[in-house]
């Protein structure tokens, strides 16, 4: 989906403005763990709170991996959000092609619950990245 956006963005009169806006240096409170993913890895971002939004913005601005989807427990909350990627529930994860799921939650207890939920749908622990 992001590839589709950038394909048409490159053809627009606003491409320079778009790339300048998204490539400007910015300090983030929550640093995406880019040392744990490779340039061409496809990821699913789990969580779209403050940390998730920060991760999302860094991925879009810096382009160090491909974002396949954003996973949220409460997808209804984001029903009208216009992201350049799908917002999915955990039950939809296995419908997507991805290398890693990056958990953007900082509460260790909740991270452990998310990891258990992911294991229940047969996600291998080595495909899960968390900073906690």
Protein backbone atom coordinates (compact mmCIF):
# COMPACT_ATOMS: atom_id res chain seq x y z
CA UNK A 1 0.00 0.00 0.00
CA UNK A 2 2.81 2.42 0.86
CA UNK A 3 4.48 1.55 -2.46
CA UNK A 4 1.28 2.57 -4.22
CA UNK A 5 1.27 5.92 -2.39
CA UNK A 6 4.92 6.70 -3.18
CA UNK A 7 4.50 5.66 -6.82
CA UNK A 8 1.89 8.36 -7.33
CA UNK A 9 3.54 10.84 -4.96
CA UNK A 10 6.66 10.79 -7.18
CA UNK A 11 4.52 11.80 -10.14
CA UNK A 12 2.86 14.71 -8.32
CA UNK A 13 3.83 18.36 -8.32
CA UNK A 14 4.18 18.13 -4.54
CA UNK A 15 6.81 15.37 -4.38
CA UNK A 16 9.63 17.65 -3.24
CA UNK A 17 7.45 19.12 -0.52
CA UNK A 18 6.33 15.65 0.62
CA UNK A 19 9.85 14.21 0.78
CA UNK A 20 11.25 17.29 2.51
CA UNK A 21 8.56 17.09 5.16
CA UNK A 22 9.10 13.39 5.77
CA UNK A 23 12.87 13.33 5.64
CA UNK A 24 13.62 16.31 7.88
CA UNK A 25 15.61 15.42 11.00
CA UNK A 26 13.42 15.06 14.06
CA UNK A 27 13.98 13.83 17.60
CA UNK A 28 11.61 11.14 18.80
CA UNK A 29 10.65 10.23 22.36
CA UNK A 30 10.24 6.60 21.24
CA UNK A 31 13.05 5.39 18.98
CA UNK A 32 12.14 2.69 16.49
CA UNK A 33 14.46 -0.34 16.97
CA UNK A 34 15.92 -0.04 13.47
CA UNK A 35 19.01 -2.00 14.49
CA UNK A 36 16.73 -5.06 14.70
CA UNK A 37 15.31 -4.84 11.16
CA UNK A 38 16.89 -4.80 7.72
CA UNK A 39 16.24 -2.23 5.01
CA UNK A 40 13.88 -4.42 2.95
CA UNK A 41 12.11 -6.17 5.84
CA UNK A 42 8.32 -6.04 5.88
CA UNK A 43 6.90 -5.38 9.31
CA UNK A 44 3.58 -5.23 11.06
CA UNK A 45 3.52 -2.55 13.71
CA UNK A 46 1.59 -3.74 16.76
CA UNK A 47 0.04 -0.82 18.63
CA UNK A 48 -0.77 2.69 17.50
CA UNK A 49 -0.58 4.68 20.71
CA UNK A 50 2.09 7.31 21.38
CA UNK A 51 4.98 4.94 20.74
CA UNK A 52 3.25 3.37 17.73
CA UNK A 53 2.59 6.74 16.16
CA UNK A 54 6.22 7.70 16.73
CA UNK A 55 7.42 4.42 15.17
CA UNK A 56 5.04 4.89 12.24
CA UNK A 57 6.30 8.41 11.59
CA UNK A 58 9.95 7.26 11.71
CA UNK A 59 9.29 4.41 9.28
CA UNK A 60 7.58 6.76 6.83
CA UNK A 61 10.15 9.54 7.19
CA UNK A 62 13.29 7.42 7.12
CA UNK A 63 12.12 4.47 5.01
CA UNK A 64 14.29 1.88 6.73
CA UNK A 65 11.74 -0.90 6.32
CA UNK A 66 8.40 -1.58 4.66
CA UNK A 67 5.25 -1.27 6.73
CA UNK A 68 2.75 -3.98 5.77
CA UNK A 69 0.06 -3.07 8.32
CA UNK A 70 -0.68 -1.64 11.76
CA UNK A 71 -2.25 -4.08 14.22
CA UNK A 72 -4.52 -2.77 16.97
CA UNK A 73 -6.68 -4.58 19.48
CA UNK A 74 -9.41 -2.00 19.03
CA UNK A 75 -9.56 -1.51 15.26
CA UNK A 76 -12.92 0.28 15.60
CA UNK A 77 -11.11 3.14 17.37
CA UNK A 78 -9.12 3.77 14.17
CA UNK A 79 -11.90 3.10 11.70
CA UNK A 80 -11.76 6.57 10.18
CA UNK A 81 -8.02 7.08 10.41
CA UNK A 82 -6.45 7.54 7.01
CA UNK A 83 -3.09 5.81 7.18
CA UNK A 84 -1.28 4.62 4.08
CA UNK A 85 -1.47 1.04 5.39
CA UNK A 86 -4.32 -1.14 6.65
CA UNK A 87 -5.25 -1.18 10.33
CA UNK A 88 -5.92 -4.79 11.24
CA UNK A 89 -6.90 -6.91 14.21
CA UNK A 90 -4.73 -9.70 15.56
CA UNK A 91 -6.90 -12.31 13.83
CA UNK A 92 -5.87 -10.86 10.45
CA UNK A 93 -2.09 -10.95 10.96
CA UNK A 94 -1.60 -14.30 9.26
CA UNK A 95 -3.24 -12.91 6.11
CA UNK A 96 -0.25 -10.59 5.61
CA UNK A 97 3.25 -11.19 4.31
CA UNK A 98 5.74 -9.94 6.93
CA UNK A 99 9.21 -10.58 8.33
CA UNK A 100 8.64 -9.18 11.82
CA UNK A 101 5.99 -7.86 14.15
CA UNK A 102 7.34 -4.84 16.01
CA UNK A 103 5.52 -4.25 19.28
CA UNK A 104 5.26 -0.55 20.05
CA UNK A 105 4.04 -0.91 23.62
CA UNK A 106 6.19 0.04 26.60
CA UNK A 107 4.27 -1.59 29.47
CA UNK A 108 6.09 -4.88 30.07
CA UNK A 109 2.97 -6.70 31.32
CA UNK A 110 1.00 -5.72 28.23
CA UNK A 111 3.94 -6.67 25.99
CA UNK A 112 3.98 -10.13 27.57
CA UNK A 113 0.21 -10.47 26.97
CA UNK A 114 0.67 -9.43 23.33
CA UNK A 115 3.47 -11.96 22.87
CA UNK A 116 1.25 -14.71 24.31
CA UNK A 117 -1.61 -13.65 22.02
CA UNK A 118 0.74 -13.78 19.03
CA UNK A 119 1.99 -17.23 20.01
CA UNK A 120 -1.63 -18.43 20.18
CA UNK A 121 -2.04 -17.59 16.49
CA UNK A 122 1.22 -19.43 15.70
CA UNK A 123 3.56 -16.45 15.32
CA UNK A 124 7.11 -17.62 15.91
CA UNK A 125 8.86 -15.80 18.78
CA UNK A 126 11.81 -15.00 16.48
CA UNK A 127 9.43 -12.92 14.33
CA UNK A 128 8.51 -10.72 17.32
CA UNK A 129 10.51 -7.59 18.13
CA UNK A 130 9.96 -5.65 21.33
CA UNK A 131 12.10 -3.14 23.17
CA UNK A 132 10.97 -4.60 26.53
